[in-house]
Amino acid sequence: MAAQTLAGLSLRDLEYAVVVEELRHFGQAADRCGVSQPTLSEQIRKLEAMLGVTLFERQARRVGVTPQGAVLLAQARAVMREARRLLDLAQEQASPLAGPLRLGAIATLGPYYLPMVLRAVRDRFPQLVLRLQEGRTAALVRALEQGELDAALVALPVASAGLASEALFFEPFLLACPQGHPLQSRPEVTLADLEGGGLLLLEEGHCLRDQALSLCGLPRADGEERFASSLEMLRHMIAAGEGFSLLPKLAVQEGADLGGLIAMRPLADARVGRSIGLVWRRTDPRRESYRELAAFLRHAAPAP
């Protein structure tokens, strides 16, 4: 027996048959399907001919389902469910910001910023399913370029021609020093005041480290004796009296002074800080959705 193809199999004909099975009446099934009874009857005869099986036992007052038809109609219902699921999935993908989104965030931002916006994002985009990942800028950029992430929250600019970005907000830096440190008593603190030594840094690979070195005019050396693996360790090192550092404002939350061991001071130049943005691949067909997300995050940005 020659193998059959799907060319002559119509989802519409399967729908006709499933409705006839449900209603056990050709006329009522035709009304529900929006066609004439002769049209529905003819299409079902063609379906039976293609399948080589009689689906229905046609009697004067009722329509019965043959034993062979019952097996095939059960499969037809399954096919119709999957076809509707296909349409639902397509609609979800066509809708802005629906379905999974793998979102990365740099480690010096994510733990402090994401709790501020997750509720608003979920309320605004209820069909969006976030898959969050934390990392350093280089790792996040690499994951984006390789398709392992969809978008990321990073400090701008990002040195990758393959990525597009939208700025979200400006985050100032604050001076964090041990209580009683000479910098605490200055009328105002400038970047020049930080060049005399004692600046604590994050370890190599953190963009905040590079920003601090650049702002303070220090060489990009790798030989510092003391560095921190995270902002939390950096905070503890300051509290222990080892030195001072620059902290992003969002990281300076309740309890950040570790029981009064750390003094926080704004810098004289309020422009000292970093620009936070959303980045994604230029080739991603969802780029308009990312711009929509960026616009929402920009509107919900924390106060500088």
C-alpha atoms as a PDB file:
ATOM      1  CA  MET A   1       0.000   0.000   0.000  1.00  0.00           C
ATOM      2  CA  ALA A   2       1.461   3.364  -1.045  1.00  0.00           C
ATOM      3  CA  ALA A   3       2.282   5.783   1.735  1.00  0.00           C
ATOM      4  CA  GLN A   4      -0.271   8.589   2.019  1.00  0.00           C
ATOM      5  CA  THR A   5       0.702  12.249   2.089  1.00  0.00           C
ATOM      6  CA  LEU A   6      -0.804  15.086   4.096  1.00  0.00           C
ATOM      7  CA  ALA A   7      -1.602  17.121   0.988  1.00  0.00           C
ATOM      8  CA  GLY A   8      -5.281  16.185   0.952  1.00  0.00           C
ATOM      9  CA  LEU A   9      -5.842  16.327   4.721  1.00  0.00           C
ATOM     10  CA  SER A  10      -7.640  19.490   5.796  1.00  0.00           C
ATOM     11  CA  LEU A  11      -7.952  20.751   9.351  1.00  0.00           C
ATOM     12  CA  ARG A  12     -11.315  22.181   8.358  1.00  0.00           C
ATOM     13  CA  ASP A  13     -12.565  18.723   7.356  1.00  0.00           C
ATOM     14  CA  LEU A  14     -11.332  17.292  10.656  1.00  0.00           C
ATOM     15  CA  GLU A  15     -13.213  20.044  12.457  1.00  0.00           C
ATOM     16  CA  TYR A  16     -16.411  19.149  10.562  1.00  0.00           C
ATOM     17  CA  ALA A  17     -16.060  15.510  11.589  1.00  0.00           C
ATOM     18  CA  VAL A  18     -15.351  16.326  15.242  1.00  0.00           C
ATOM     19  CA  VAL A  19     -18.428  18.581  15.431  1.00  0.00           C
ATOM     20  CA  VAL A  20     -20.632  15.908  13.826  1.00  0.00           C
ATOM     21  CA  GLU A  21     -19.360  13.418  16.396  1.00  0.00           C
ATOM     22  CA  GLU A  22     -20.175  15.855  19.193  1.00  0.00           C
ATOM     23  CA  LEU A  23     -23.681  16.797  17.988  1.00  0.00           C
ATOM     24  CA  ARG A  24     -24.572  13.523  16.208  1.00  0.00           C
ATOM     25  CA  HIS A  25     -26.458  15.595  13.666  1.00  0.00           C
ATOM     26  CA  PHE A  26     -25.263  16.809  10.239  1.00  0.00           C
ATOM     27  CA  GLY A  27     -27.621  19.778  10.060  1.00  0.00           C
ATOM     28  CA  GLN A  28     -26.715  21.125  13.504  1.00  0.00           C
ATOM     29  CA  ALA A  29     -23.010  20.558  12.788  1.00  0.00           C
ATOM     30  CA  ALA A  30     -23.319  22.517   9.550  1.00  0.00           C
ATOM     31  CA  ASP A  31     -24.962  25.427  11.389  1.00  0.00           C
ATOM     32  CA  ARG A  32     -22.194  25.526  13.990  1.00  0.00           C
ATOM     33  CA  CYS A  33     -19.470  25.384  11.327  1.00  0.00           C
ATOM     34  CA  GLY A  34     -21.146  28.073   9.230  1.00  0.00           C
ATOM     35  CA  VAL A  35     -21.601  26.003   6.056  1.00  0.00           C
ATOM     36  CA  SER A  36     -24.505  24.343   4.281  1.00  0.00           C
ATOM     37  CA  GLN A  37     -25.390  20.774   5.166  1.00  0.00           C
ATOM     38  CA  PRO A  38     -24.616  19.462   1.640  1.00  0.00           C
ATOM     39  CA  THR A  39     -21.175  21.098   1.788  1.00  0.00           C
ATOM     40  CA  LEU A  40     -20.389  19.568   5.196  1.00  0.00           C
ATOM     41  CA  SER A  41     -21.664  16.150   4.145  1.00  0.00           C
ATOM     42  CA  GLU A  42     -19.609  16.200   0.953  1.00  0.00           C
ATOM     43  CA  GLN A  43     -16.395  17.181   2.769  1.00  0.00           C
ATOM     44  CA  ILE A  44     -16.856  14.404   5.297  1.00  0.00           C
ATOM     45  CA  ARG A  45     -17.387  11.884   2.478  1.00  0.00           C
ATOM     46  CA  LYS A  46     -14.129  13.083   0.915  1.00  0.00           C
ATOM     47  CA  LEU A  47     -12.365  12.728   4.290  1.00  0.00           C
ATOM     48  CA  GLU A  48     -13.675   9.194   4.682  1.00  0.00           C
ATOM     49  CA  ALA A  49     -12.515   8.354   1.151  1.00  0.00           C
ATOM     50  CA  MET A  50      -9.049   9.700   1.849  1.00  0.00           C
ATOM     51  CA  LEU A  51      -8.761   7.818   5.138  1.00  0.00           C
ATOM     52  CA  GLY A  52     -10.285   4.662   3.698  1.00  0.00           C
ATOM     53  CA  VAL A  53     -12.543   4.404   6.750  1.00  0.00           C
ATOM     54  CA  THR A  54     -16.232   5.111   7.264  1.00  0.00           C
ATOM     55  CA  LEU A  55     -16.434   7.426  10.256  1.00  0.00           C
ATOM     56  CA  PHE A  56     -20.196   7.679  10.713  1.00  0.00           C
ATOM     57  CA  GLU A  57     -23.156   5.308  10.455  1.00  0.00           C
ATOM     58  CA  ARG A  58     -25.872   7.395   8.841  1.00  0.00           C
ATOM     59  CA  GLN A  59     -29.376   6.453   9.984  1.00  0.00           C
ATOM     60  CA  ALA A  60     -32.716   8.134   9.409  1.00  0.00           C
ATOM     61  CA  ARG A  61     -33.025   9.767  12.823  1.00  0.00           C
ATOM     62  CA  ARG A  62     -29.531   9.656  14.231  1.00  0.00           C
ATOM     63  CA  VAL A  63     -25.845   9.609  13.374  1.00  0.00           C
ATOM     64  CA  GLY A  64     -23.688   6.930  14.910  1.00  0.00           C
ATOM     65  CA  VAL A  65     -19.922   6.614  15.095  1.00  0.00           C
ATOM     66  CA  THR A  66     -18.363   3.443  13.746  1.00  0.00           C
ATOM     67  CA  PRO A  67     -15.809   1.592  15.911  1.00  0.00           C
ATOM     68  CA  GLN A  68     -13.036   2.461  13.437  1.00  0.00           C
ATOM     69  CA  GLY A  69     -14.313   6.037  13.318  1.00  0.00           C
ATOM     70  CA  ALA A  70     -14.175   6.380  17.093  1.00  0.00           C
ATOM     71  CA  VAL A  71     -10.427   5.655  17.044  1.00  0.00           C
ATOM     72  CA  LEU A  72      -9.737   8.121  14.233  1.00  0.00           C
ATOM     73  CA  LEU A  73     -11.977  10.841  15.647  1.00  0.00           C
ATOM     74  CA  ALA A  74     -10.177  10.662  18.975  1.00  0.00           C
ATOM     75  CA  GLN A  75      -6.946  11.369  17.098  1.00  0.00           C
ATOM     76  CA  ALA A  76      -8.692  14.106  15.108  1.00  0.00           C
ATOM     77  CA  ARG A  77      -9.614  15.856  18.375  1.00  0.00           C
ATOM     78  CA  ALA A  78      -5.973  15.663  19.456  1.00  0.00           C
ATOM     79  CA  VAL A  79      -4.862  17.132  16.124  1.00  0.00           C
ATOM     80  CA  MET A  80      -7.348  19.988  16.525  1.00  0.00           C
ATOM     81  CA  ARG A  81      -6.100  20.709  20.064  1.00  0.00           C
ATOM     82  CA  GLU A  82      -2.509  20.893  18.843  1.00  0.00           C
ATOM     83  CA  ALA A  83      -3.518  23.084  15.902  1.00  0.00           C
ATOM     84  CA  ARG A  84      -5.213  25.532  18.267  1.00  0.00           C
ATOM     85  CA  ARG A  85      -2.137  25.416  20.502  1.00  0.00           C
ATOM     86  CA  LEU A  86      -0.019  26.317  17.468  1.00  0.00           C
ATOM     87  CA  LEU A  87      -2.193  29.384  16.857  1.00  0.00           C
ATOM     88  CA  ASP A  88      -2.025  30.341  20.534  1.00  0.00           C
ATOM     89  CA  LEU A  89       1.766  30.071  20.513  1.00  0.00           C
ATOM     90  CA  ALA A  90       1.983  32.162  17.365  1.00  0.00           C
ATOM     91  CA  GLN A  91      -0.220  34.818  18.934  1.00  0.00           C
ATOM     92  CA  GLU A  92       1.948  34.834  22.056  1.00  0.00           C
ATOM     93  CA  GLN A  93       5.092  35.261  19.989  1.00  0.00           C
ATOM     94  CA  ALA A  94       3.510  38.019  17.938  1.00  0.00           C
ATOM     95  CA  SER A  95       2.412  39.873  21.065  1.00  0.00           C
ATOM     96  CA  PRO A  96       4.932  42.344  22.444  1.00  0.00           C
ATOM     97  CA  LEU A  97       6.917  40.967  25.343  1.00  0.00           C
ATOM     98  CA  ALA A  98       5.148  37.646  25.758  1.00  0.00           C
ATOM     99  CA  GLY A  99       6.806  34.358  26.608  1.00  0.00           C
ATOM    100  CA  PRO A 100      10.298  33.684  27.970  1.00  0.00           C
ATOM    101  CA  LEU A 101      12.912  36.455  28.123  1.00  0.00           C
ATOM    102  CA  ARG A 102      16.435  35.611  29.295  1.00  0.00           C
ATOM    103  CA  LEU A 103      17.560  38.824  30.980  1.00  0.00           C
ATOM    104  CA  GLY A 104      21.044  39.356  32.388  1.00  0.00           C
ATOM    105  CA  ALA A 105      22.159  42.045  34.816  1.00  0.00           C
ATOM    106  CA  ILE A 106      25.597  43.081  36.003  1.00  0.00           C
ATOM    107  CA  ALA A 107      26.331  41.972  39.553  1.00  0.00           C
ATOM    108  CA  THR A 108      26.724  45.524  40.856  1.00  0.00           C
ATOM    109  CA  LEU A 109      23.217  46.422  39.668  1.00  0.00           C
ATOM    110  CA  GLY A 110      20.896  43.407  39.633  1.00  0.00           C
ATOM    111  CA  PRO A 111      20.467  42.746  43.376  1.00  0.00           C
ATOM    112  CA  TYR A 112      19.626  46.397  44.031  1.00  0.00           C
ATOM    113  CA  TYR A 113      17.713  47.458  40.925  1.00  0.00           C
ATOM    114  CA  LEU A 114      15.639  44.412  39.996  1.00  0.00           C
ATOM    115  CA  PRO A 115      13.637  44.310  43.275  1.00  0.00           C
ATOM    116  CA  MET A 116      12.578  47.897  42.545  1.00  0.00           C
ATOM    117  CA  VAL A 117      11.065  47.141  39.126  1.00  0.00           C
ATOM    118  CA  LEU A 118      10.038  43.478  39.003  1.00  0.00           C
ATOM    119  CA  ARG A 119       6.533  44.098  40.344  1.00  0.00           C
ATOM    120  CA  ALA A 120       5.912  46.912  37.866  1.00  0.00           C
ATOM    121  CA  VAL A 121       7.272  44.837  34.969  1.00  0.00           C
ATOM    122  CA  ARG A 122       5.081  41.859  35.841  1.00  0.00           C
ATOM    123  CA  ASP A 123       2.014  44.076  36.154  1.00  0.00           C
ATOM    124  CA  ARG A 124       2.707  45.819  32.832  1.00  0.00           C
ATOM    125  CA  PHE A 125       3.712  42.676  30.889  1.00  0.00           C
ATOM    126  CA  PRO A 126       1.765  39.801  32.499  1.00  0.00           C
ATOM    127  CA  GLN A 127       2.623  37.346  29.684  1.00  0.00           C
ATOM    128  CA  LEU A 128       6.347  37.950  30.026  1.00  0.00           C
ATOM    129  CA  VAL A 129       8.295  35.152  31.722  1.00  0.00           C
ATOM    130  CA  LEU A 130      11.654  36.466  32.948  1.00  0.00           C
ATOM    131  CA  ARG A 131      14.657  34.171  33.248  1.00  0.00           C
ATOM    132  CA  LEU A 132      17.197  36.191  35.244  1.00  0.00           C
ATOM    133  CA  GLN A 133      20.969  35.781  35.206  1.00  0.00           C
ATOM    134  CA  GLU A 134      23.700  37.737  36.981  1.00  0.00           C
ATOM    135  CA  GLY A 135      27.258  38.223  35.790  1.00  0.00           C
ATOM    136  CA  ARG A 136      30.032  40.587  34.815  1.00  0.00           C
ATOM    137  CA  THR A 137      29.793  42.764  31.745  1.00  0.00           C
ATOM    138  CA  ALA A 138      32.147  40.755  29.531  1.00  0.00           C
ATOM    139  CA  ALA A 139      30.381  37.482  30.329  1.00  0.00           C
ATOM    140  CA  LEU A 140      26.949  38.991  29.708  1.00  0.00           C
ATOM    141  CA  VAL A 141      28.050  40.523  26.403  1.00  0.00           C
ATOM    142  CA  ARG A 142      29.519  37.196  25.314  1.00  0.00           C
ATOM    143  CA  ALA A 143      26.285  35.397  26.270  1.00  0.00           C
ATOM    144  CA  LEU A 144      24.280  37.934  24.267  1.00  0.00           C
ATOM    145  CA  GLU A 145      26.493  37.571  21.204  1.00  0.00           C
ATOM    146  CA  GLN A 146      26.243  33.774  21.360  1.00  0.00           C
ATOM    147  CA  GLY A 147      22.466  33.776  21.775  1.00  0.00           C
ATOM    148  CA  GLU A 148      22.531  32.498  25.358  1.00  0.00           C
ATOM    149  CA  LEU A 149      20.826  35.683  26.612  1.00  0.00           C
ATOM    150  CA  ASP A 150      18.146  37.832  25.014  1.00  0.00           C
ATOM    151  CA  ALA A 151      18.910  41.168  26.709  1.00  0.00           C
ATOM    152  CA  ALA A 152      20.994  42.540  29.562  1.00  0.00           C
ATOM    153  CA  LEU A 153      21.110  45.472  31.985  1.00  0.00           C
ATOM    154  CA  VAL A 154      24.634  46.895  31.931  1.00  0.00           C
ATOM    155  CA  ALA A 155      26.601  50.112  32.273  1.00  0.00           C
ATOM    156  CA  LEU A 156      26.938  51.936  28.964  1.00  0.00           C
ATOM    157  CA  PRO A 157      28.631  52.120  26.572  1.00  0.00           C
ATOM    158  CA  VAL A 158      29.177  48.502  25.552  1.00  0.00           C
ATOM    159  CA  ALA A 159      31.995  47.806  23.118  1.00  0.00           C
ATOM    160  CA  SER A 160      30.241  45.429  20.733  1.00  0.00           C
ATOM    161  CA  ALA A 161      29.149  46.381  17.225  1.00  0.00           C
ATOM    162  CA  GLY A 162      26.622  43.552  17.232  1.00  0.00           C
ATOM    163  CA  LEU A 163      24.610  44.951  20.135  1.00  0.00           C
ATOM    164  CA  ALA A 164      22.027  47.723  20.252  1.00  0.00           C
ATOM    165  CA  SER A 165      21.267  49.681  23.414  1.00  0.00           C
ATOM    166  CA  GLU A 166      18.862  52.096  25.020  1.00  0.00           C
ATOM    167  CA  ALA A 167      19.870  54.252  27.981  1.00  0.00           C
ATOM    168  CA  LEU A 168      17.556  53.868  30.986  1.00  0.00           C
ATOM    169  CA  PHE A 169      18.819  56.119  33.763  1.00  0.00           C
ATOM    170  CA  PHE A 170      21.878  57.738  35.297  1.00  0.00           C
ATOM    171  CA  GLU A 171      23.145  56.326  38.584  1.00  0.00           C
ATOM    172  CA  PRO A 172      25.401  58.603  40.657  1.00  0.00           C
ATOM    173  CA  PHE A 173      28.335  57.299  42.679  1.00  0.00           C
ATOM    174  CA  LEU A 174      28.674  58.015  46.391  1.00  0.00           C
ATOM    175  CA  LEU A 175      31.824  58.035  48.488  1.00  0.00           C
ATOM    176  CA  ALA A 176      31.841  55.302  51.122  1.00  0.00           C
ATOM    177  CA  CYS A 177      34.516  55.646  53.796  1.00  0.00           C
ATOM    178  CA  PRO A 178      35.042  54.401  57.362  1.00  0.00           C
ATOM    179  CA  GLN A 179      33.486  56.514  60.094  1.00  0.00           C
ATOM    180  CA  GLY A 180      36.045  59.085  61.216  1.00  0.00           C
ATOM    181  CA  HIS A 181      38.002  59.015  57.949  1.00  0.00           C
ATOM    182  CA  PRO A 182      39.468  62.427  56.950  1.00  0.00           C
ATOM    183  CA  LEU A 183      37.321  62.471  53.798  1.00  0.00           C
ATOM    184  CA  GLN A 184      34.198  62.413  55.937  1.00  0.00           C
ATOM    185  CA  SER A 185      34.903  65.825  57.433  1.00  0.00           C
ATOM    186  CA  ARG A 186      35.658  67.660  54.175  1.00  0.00           C
ATOM    187  CA  PRO A 187      33.103  70.337  53.237  1.00  0.00           C
ATOM    188  CA  GLU A 188      32.845  68.643  49.850  1.00  0.00           C
ATOM    189  CA  VAL A 189      34.586  65.716  48.240  1.00  0.00           C
ATOM    190  CA  THR A 190      36.036  65.916  44.748  1.00  0.00           C
ATOM    191  CA  LEU A 191      37.588  63.217  42.591  1.00  0.00           C
ATOM    192  CA  ALA A 192      40.984  64.807  43.192  1.00  0.00           C
ATOM    193  CA  ASP A 193      40.589  64.014  46.898  1.00  0.00           C
ATOM    194  CA  LEU A 194      40.515  60.313  46.080  1.00  0.00           C
ATOM    195  CA  GLU A 195      43.899  60.160  44.365  1.00  0.00           C
ATOM    196  CA  GLY A 196      46.053  60.072  47.475  1.00  0.00           C
ATOM    197  CA  GLY A 197      45.750  56.343  48.135  1.00  0.00           C
ATOM    198  CA  GLY A 198      43.400  54.109  50.037  1.00  0.00           C
ATOM    199  CA  LEU A 199      40.958  53.510  47.190  1.00  0.00           C
ATOM    200  CA  LEU A 200      39.502  50.003  47.422  1.00  0.00           C
ATOM    201  CA  LEU A 201      38.439  48.299  44.203  1.00  0.00           C
ATOM    202  CA  LEU A 202      36.507  45.330  42.958  1.00  0.00           C
ATOM    203  CA  GLU A 203      38.550  42.577  41.377  1.00  0.00           C
ATOM    204  CA  GLU A 204      39.418  42.466  37.692  1.00  0.00           C
ATOM    205  CA  GLY A 205      36.431  41.995  35.402  1.00  0.00           C
ATOM    206  CA  HIS A 206      33.946  44.253  37.158  1.00  0.00           C
ATOM    207  CA  CYS A 207      33.045  47.303  35.089  1.00  0.00           C
ATOM    208  CA  LEU A 208      32.695  49.293  38.322  1.00  0.00           C
ATOM    209  CA  ARG A 209      36.400  48.739  38.956  1.00  0.00           C
ATOM    210  CA  ASP A 210      37.302  50.197  35.556  1.00  0.00           C
ATOM    211  CA  GLN A 211      34.968  53.132  36.097  1.00  0.00           C
ATOM    212  CA  ALA A 212      36.507  53.927  39.477  1.00  0.00           C
ATOM    213  CA  LEU A 213      40.052  53.736  38.091  1.00  0.00           C
ATOM    214  CA  SER A 214      39.119  55.959  35.181  1.00  0.00           C
ATOM    215  CA  LEU A 215      37.318  58.567  37.291  1.00  0.00           C
ATOM    216  CA  CYS A 216      40.109  58.760  39.827  1.00  0.00           C
ATOM    217  CA  GLY A 217      42.827  59.021  37.182  1.00  0.00           C
ATOM    218  CA  LEU A 218      44.642  55.913  38.372  1.00  0.00           C
ATOM    219  CA  PRO A 219      46.578  53.502  36.127  1.00  0.00           C
ATOM    220  CA  ARG A 220      44.860  50.254  35.180  1.00  0.00           C
ATOM    221  CA  ALA A 221      47.283  48.086  37.130  1.00  0.00           C
ATOM    222  CA  ASP A 222      46.468  44.589  38.323  1.00  0.00           C
ATOM    223  CA  GLY A 223      48.746  44.603  41.335  1.00  0.00           C
ATOM    224  CA  GLU A 224      46.520  46.045  44.055  1.00  0.00           C
ATOM    225  CA  GLU A 225      47.093  44.122  47.226  1.00  0.00           C
ATOM    226  CA  ARG A 226      43.488  44.414  48.354  1.00  0.00           C
ATOM    227  CA  PHE A 227      40.428  44.024  46.179  1.00  0.00           C
ATOM    228  CA  ALA A 228      36.901  42.710  46.679  1.00  0.00           C
ATOM    229  CA  SER A 229      35.019  40.024  44.780  1.00  0.00           C
ATOM    230  CA  SER A 230      31.644  41.707  45.292  1.00  0.00           C
ATOM    231  CA  LEU A 231      30.070  44.945  46.438  1.00  0.00           C
ATOM    232  CA  GLU A 232      29.092  43.324  49.718  1.00  0.00           C
ATOM    233  CA  MET A 233      32.704  42.337  50.459  1.00  0.00           C
ATOM    234  CA  LEU A 234      33.834  45.806  49.413  1.00  0.00           C
ATOM    235  CA  ARG A 235      31.394  47.289  51.906  1.00  0.00           C
ATOM    236  CA  HIS A 236      32.750  45.065  54.673  1.00  0.00           C
ATOM    237  CA  MET A 237      36.330  46.034  53.855  1.00  0.00           C
ATOM    238  CA  ILE A 238      35.392  49.706  54.173  1.00  0.00           C
ATOM    239  CA  ALA A 239      33.623  49.036  57.473  1.00  0.00           C
ATOM    240  CA  ALA A 240      36.772  47.298  58.706  1.00  0.00           C
ATOM    241  CA  GLY A 241      38.727  50.508  58.068  1.00  0.00           C
ATOM    242  CA  GLU A 242      40.809  49.226  55.140  1.00  0.00           C
ATOM    243  CA  GLY A 243      40.051  52.193  52.883  1.00  0.00           C
ATOM    244  CA  PHE A 244      37.315  53.953  50.928  1.00  0.00           C
ATOM    245  CA  SER A 245      35.561  53.434  47.615  1.00  0.00           C
ATOM    246  CA  LEU A 246      32.865  54.628  45.236  1.00  0.00           C
ATOM    247  CA  LEU A 247      29.518  52.849  45.471  1.00  0.00           C
ATOM    248  CA  PRO A 248      26.588  53.044  43.056  1.00  0.00           C
ATOM    249  CA  LYS A 249      23.708  54.896  44.664  1.00  0.00           C
ATOM    250  CA  LEU A 250      21.247  52.011  44.284  1.00  0.00           C
ATOM    251  CA  ALA A 251      23.563  49.815  46.339  1.00  0.00           C
ATOM    252  CA  VAL A 252      23.416  52.285  49.228  1.00  0.00           C
ATOM    253  CA  GLN A 253      20.199  51.058  50.786  1.00  0.00           C
ATOM    254  CA  GLU A 254      18.947  50.654  54.337  1.00  0.00           C
ATOM    255  CA  GLY A 255      21.638  48.994  56.421  1.00  0.00           C
ATOM    256  CA  ALA A 256      24.371  49.770  53.909  1.00  0.00           C
ATOM    257  CA  ASP A 257      26.343  51.645  56.584  1.00  0.00           C
ATOM    258  CA  LEU A 258      26.747  48.347  58.519  1.00  0.00           C
ATOM    259  CA  GLY A 259      25.541  49.713  61.801  1.00  0.00           C
ATOM    260  CA  GLY A 260      27.176  53.124  61.436  1.00  0.00           C
ATOM    261  CA  LEU A 261      30.643  51.844  60.543  1.00  0.00           C
ATOM    262  CA  ILE A 262      30.488  53.431  57.072  1.00  0.00           C
ATOM    263  CA  ALA A 263      29.912  57.092  56.200  1.00  0.00           C
ATOM    264  CA  MET A 264      28.296  57.926  52.868  1.00  0.00           C
ATOM    265  CA  ARG A 265      29.041  61.239  51.156  1.00  0.00           C
ATOM    266  CA  PRO A 266      27.819  62.616  47.829  1.00  0.00           C
ATOM    267  CA  LEU A 267      30.542  63.895  45.527  1.00  0.00           C
ATOM    268  CA  ALA A 268      30.825  67.574  44.673  1.00  0.00           C
ATOM    269  CA  ASP A 269      30.253  66.763  41.007  1.00  0.00           C
ATOM    270  CA  ALA A 270      26.825  65.142  40.748  1.00  0.00           C
ATOM    271  CA  ARG A 271      27.698  63.971  37.228  1.00  0.00           C
ATOM    272  CA  VAL A 272      30.075  61.328  38.575  1.00  0.00           C
ATOM    273  CA  GLY A 273      28.336  58.019  38.016  1.00  0.00           C
ATOM    274  CA  ARG A 274      27.317  55.613  35.294  1.00  0.00           C
ATOM    275  CA  SER A 275      24.637  55.311  32.640  1.00  0.00           C
ATOM    276  CA  ILE A 276      22.569  52.136  32.923  1.00  0.00           C
ATOM    277  CA  GLY A 277      21.068  50.723  29.760  1.00  0.00           C
ATOM    278  CA  LEU A 278      19.333  47.746  28.197  1.00  0.00           C
ATOM    279  CA  VAL A 279      21.273  45.974  25.432  1.00  0.00           C
ATOM    280  CA  TRP A 280      20.315  43.267  22.928  1.00  0.00           C
ATOM    281  CA  ARG A 281      21.484  41.804  19.620  1.00  0.00           C
ATOM    282  CA  ARG A 282      20.873  44.039  16.609  1.00  0.00           C
ATOM    283  CA  THR A 283      19.731  41.003  14.615  1.00  0.00           C
ATOM    284  CA  ASP A 284      17.082  39.929  17.145  1.00  0.00           C
ATOM    285  CA  PRO A 285      13.643  40.266  15.475  1.00  0.00           C
ATOM    286  CA  ARG A 286      12.167  41.289  18.848  1.00  0.00           C
ATOM    287  CA  ARG A 287      14.116  44.556  18.891  1.00  0.00           C
ATOM    288  CA  GLU A 288      10.933  46.649  18.910  1.00  0.00           C
ATOM    289  CA  SER A 289       9.780  44.755  21.997  1.00  0.00           C
ATOM    290  CA  TYR A 290      13.098  45.502  23.692  1.00  0.00           C
ATOM    291  CA  ARG A 291      12.673  49.181  22.888  1.00  0.00           C
ATOM    292  CA  GLU A 292       9.205  49.022  24.422  1.00  0.00           C
ATOM    293  CA  LEU A 293      10.636  47.391  27.548  1.00  0.00           C
ATOM    294  CA  ALA A 294      13.405  49.999  27.687  1.00  0.00           C
ATOM    295  CA  ALA A 295      10.849  52.810  27.415  1.00  0.00           C
ATOM    296  CA  PHE A 296       8.879  51.333  30.301  1.00  0.00           C
ATOM    297  CA  LEU A 297      11.992  50.898  32.454  1.00  0.00           C
ATOM    298  CA  ARG A 298      13.050  54.443  31.639  1.00  0.00           C
ATOM    299  CA  HIS A 299       9.696  55.747  32.811  1.00  0.00           C
ATOM    300  CA  ALA A 300       9.972  53.684  35.997  1.00  0.00           C
ATOM    301  CA  ALA A 301      13.612  54.684  36.588  1.00  0.00           C
ATOM    302  CA  PRO A 302      14.687  55.439  40.160  1.00  0.00           C
ATOM    303  CA  ALA A 303      15.284  59.059  41.078  1.00  0.00           C
ATOM    304  CA  PRO A 304      18.960  60.091  40.666  1.00  0.00           C
END
